[in-house]
Amino acid sequence: MLNTIGQILRDAAVNNFVFSPGFWLSNYYWLLILLFWSTIWKGLALWKASRRRQIGWFVALLIVNTAGLLEIFYLAAYHDMKDKAKK
């Protein structure tokens, strides 16, 4: 598996074909994994931001796509905050 990732990165660097449709069609499974990963983290972070009524974070998380990095940062930084929603 690591050889496959390394080969993909080497091919991308040498041939500069990352932006070509052929690259993504032949390696669609990585795109699906990234899509699944990002969707899970984005859903969790958006849910927490809305429950805490943090409009700025909600909008930023909704607009900015960072493959889950901003979402993980948000969840880690605000993990101990209580939800403000009424029970």
C-alpha atoms as a PDB file:
ATOM      1  CA  MET A   1       0.000   0.000   0.000  1.00  0.00           C
ATOM      2  CA  LEU A   2       2.823   2.403   0.822  1.00  0.00           C
ATOM      3  CA  ASN A   3       4.472   1.576  -2.467  1.00  0.00           C
ATOM      4  CA  THR A   4       1.246   2.475  -4.220  1.00  0.00           C
ATOM      5  CA  ILE A   5       1.005   5.841  -2.442  1.00  0.00           C
ATOM      6  CA  GLY A   6       4.659   6.534  -3.129  1.00  0.00           C
ATOM      7  CA  GLN A   7       4.254   5.633  -6.784  1.00  0.00           C
ATOM      8  CA  ILE A   8       1.209   7.894  -7.103  1.00  0.00           C
ATOM      9  CA  LEU A   9       3.082  10.804  -5.520  1.00  0.00           C
ATOM     10  CA  ARG A  10       6.154  10.235  -7.699  1.00  0.00           C
ATOM     11  CA  ASP A  11       4.044  10.054 -10.847  1.00  0.00           C
ATOM     12  CA  ALA A  12       2.180  13.193  -9.844  1.00  0.00           C
ATOM     13  CA  ALA A  13       5.402  15.078  -9.208  1.00  0.00           C
ATOM     14  CA  VAL A  14       7.177  13.894 -12.352  1.00  0.00           C
ATOM     15  CA  ASN A  15       4.333  14.078 -14.832  1.00  0.00           C
ATOM     16  CA  ASN A  16       2.306  16.841 -13.146  1.00  0.00           C
ATOM     17  CA  PHE A  17      -0.933  15.100 -14.029  1.00  0.00           C
ATOM     18  CA  VAL A  18      -2.714  15.464 -10.693  1.00  0.00           C
ATOM     19  CA  PHE A  19      -5.089  17.944 -12.248  1.00  0.00           C
ATOM     20  CA  SER A  20      -5.941  15.730 -15.188  1.00  0.00           C
ATOM     21  CA  PRO A  21      -9.169  13.724 -15.100  1.00  0.00           C
ATOM     22  CA  GLY A  22      -7.274  10.527 -15.887  1.00  0.00           C
ATOM     23  CA  PHE A  23      -5.421  10.660 -12.583  1.00  0.00           C
ATOM     24  CA  TRP A  24      -8.610  10.868 -10.534  1.00  0.00           C
ATOM     25  CA  LEU A  25     -10.422   8.282 -12.615  1.00  0.00           C
ATOM     26  CA  SER A  26      -7.633   5.769 -12.162  1.00  0.00           C
ATOM     27  CA  ASN A  27      -7.262   6.509  -8.429  1.00  0.00           C
ATOM     28  CA  TYR A  28     -10.882   7.149  -7.507  1.00  0.00           C
ATOM     29  CA  TYR A  29     -10.667   5.061  -4.315  1.00  0.00           C
ATOM     30  CA  TRP A  30      -8.391   7.684  -2.702  1.00  0.00           C
ATOM     31  CA  LEU A  31     -10.898  10.364  -3.586  1.00  0.00           C
ATOM     32  CA  LEU A  32     -13.701   8.299  -2.038  1.00  0.00           C
ATOM     33  CA  ILE A  33     -11.698   7.747   1.151  1.00  0.00           C
ATOM     34  CA  LEU A  34     -10.945  11.480   1.375  1.00  0.00           C
ATOM     35  CA  LEU A  35     -14.594  12.324   0.747  1.00  0.00           C
ATOM     36  CA  PHE A  36     -15.770   9.923   3.466  1.00  0.00           C
ATOM     37  CA  TRP A  37     -13.127  11.177   5.948  1.00  0.00           C
ATOM     38  CA  SER A  38     -13.964  14.829   5.327  1.00  0.00           C
ATOM     39  CA  THR A  39     -17.736  14.308   5.501  1.00  0.00           C
ATOM     40  CA  ILE A  40     -17.576  12.565   8.876  1.00  0.00           C
ATOM     41  CA  TRP A  41     -15.426  15.278  10.488  1.00  0.00           C
ATOM     42  CA  LYS A  42     -17.385  18.128   8.866  1.00  0.00           C
ATOM     43  CA  GLY A  43     -20.694  16.695  10.064  1.00  0.00           C
ATOM     44  CA  LEU A  44     -19.435  16.292  13.620  1.00  0.00           C
ATOM     45  CA  ALA A  45     -17.924  19.780  13.749  1.00  0.00           C
ATOM     46  CA  LEU A  46     -20.978  21.460  12.201  1.00  0.00           C
ATOM     47  CA  TRP A  47     -23.269  19.680  14.615  1.00  0.00           C
ATOM     48  CA  LYS A  48     -21.187  20.759  17.625  1.00  0.00           C
ATOM     49  CA  ALA A  49     -20.882  24.361  16.382  1.00  0.00           C
ATOM     50  CA  SER A  50     -24.636  24.619  15.856  1.00  0.00           C
ATOM     51  CA  ARG A  51     -25.427  23.125  19.270  1.00  0.00           C
ATOM     52  CA  ARG A  52     -23.066  25.645  20.865  1.00  0.00           C
ATOM     53  CA  ARG A  53     -24.544  28.485  18.793  1.00  0.00           C
ATOM     54  CA  GLN A  54     -21.166  29.506  17.405  1.00  0.00           C
ATOM     55  CA  ILE A  55     -22.294  31.119  14.166  1.00  0.00           C
ATOM     56  CA  GLY A  56     -18.803  32.210  13.070  1.00  0.00           C
ATOM     57  CA  TRP A  57     -17.357  28.731  13.441  1.00  0.00           C
ATOM     58  CA  PHE A  58     -20.399  27.196  11.766  1.00  0.00           C
ATOM     59  CA  VAL A  59     -20.037  29.407   8.686  1.00  0.00           C
ATOM     60  CA  ALA A  60     -16.254  28.900   8.520  1.00  0.00           C
ATOM     61  CA  LEU A  61     -16.595  25.127   8.817  1.00  0.00           C
ATOM     62  CA  LEU A  62     -19.347  25.086   6.203  1.00  0.00           C
ATOM     63  CA  ILE A  63     -17.431  27.129   3.620  1.00  0.00           C
ATOM     64  CA  VAL A  64     -13.790  26.100   4.087  1.00  0.00           C
ATOM     65  CA  ASN A  65     -12.802  22.627   2.868  1.00  0.00           C
ATOM     66  CA  THR A  66      -9.590  21.401   4.486  1.00  0.00           C
ATOM     67  CA  ALA A  67     -10.107  17.627   4.275  1.00  0.00           C
ATOM     68  CA  GLY A  68     -11.049  17.486   7.948  1.00  0.00           C
ATOM     69  CA  LEU A  69      -8.107  19.433   9.386  1.00  0.00           C
ATOM     70  CA  LEU A  70     -10.027  22.556  10.446  1.00  0.00           C
ATOM     71  CA  GLU A  71     -12.839  20.385  11.770  1.00  0.00           C
ATOM     72  CA  ILE A  72     -10.460  18.288  13.879  1.00  0.00           C
ATOM     73  CA  PHE A  73      -8.819  21.470  15.205  1.00  0.00           C
ATOM     74  CA  TYR A  74     -12.216  22.899  16.150  1.00  0.00           C
ATOM     75  CA  LEU A  75     -13.318  19.716  17.903  1.00  0.00           C
ATOM     76  CA  ALA A  76     -10.004  19.440  19.777  1.00  0.00           C
ATOM     77  CA  ALA A  77      -9.896  23.102  20.802  1.00  0.00           C
ATOM     78  CA  TYR A  78     -13.486  23.291  22.020  1.00  0.00           C
ATOM     79  CA  HIS A  79     -13.965  19.728  23.275  1.00  0.00           C
ATOM     80  CA  ASP A  80     -14.787  20.763  26.857  1.00  0.00           C
ATOM     81  CA  MET A  81     -17.425  23.403  26.040  1.00  0.00           C
ATOM     82  CA  LYS A  82     -21.000  22.615  26.989  1.00  0.00           C
ATOM     83  CA  ASP A  83     -23.772  22.773  24.427  1.00  0.00           C
ATOM     84  CA  LYS A  84     -26.025  25.846  24.784  1.00  0.00           C
ATOM     85  CA  ALA A  85     -29.121  24.173  23.343  1.00  0.00           C
ATOM     86  CA  LYS A  86     -32.137  23.906  25.591  1.00  0.00           C
ATOM     87  CA  LYS A  87     -32.996  20.444  26.771  1.00  0.00           C
END
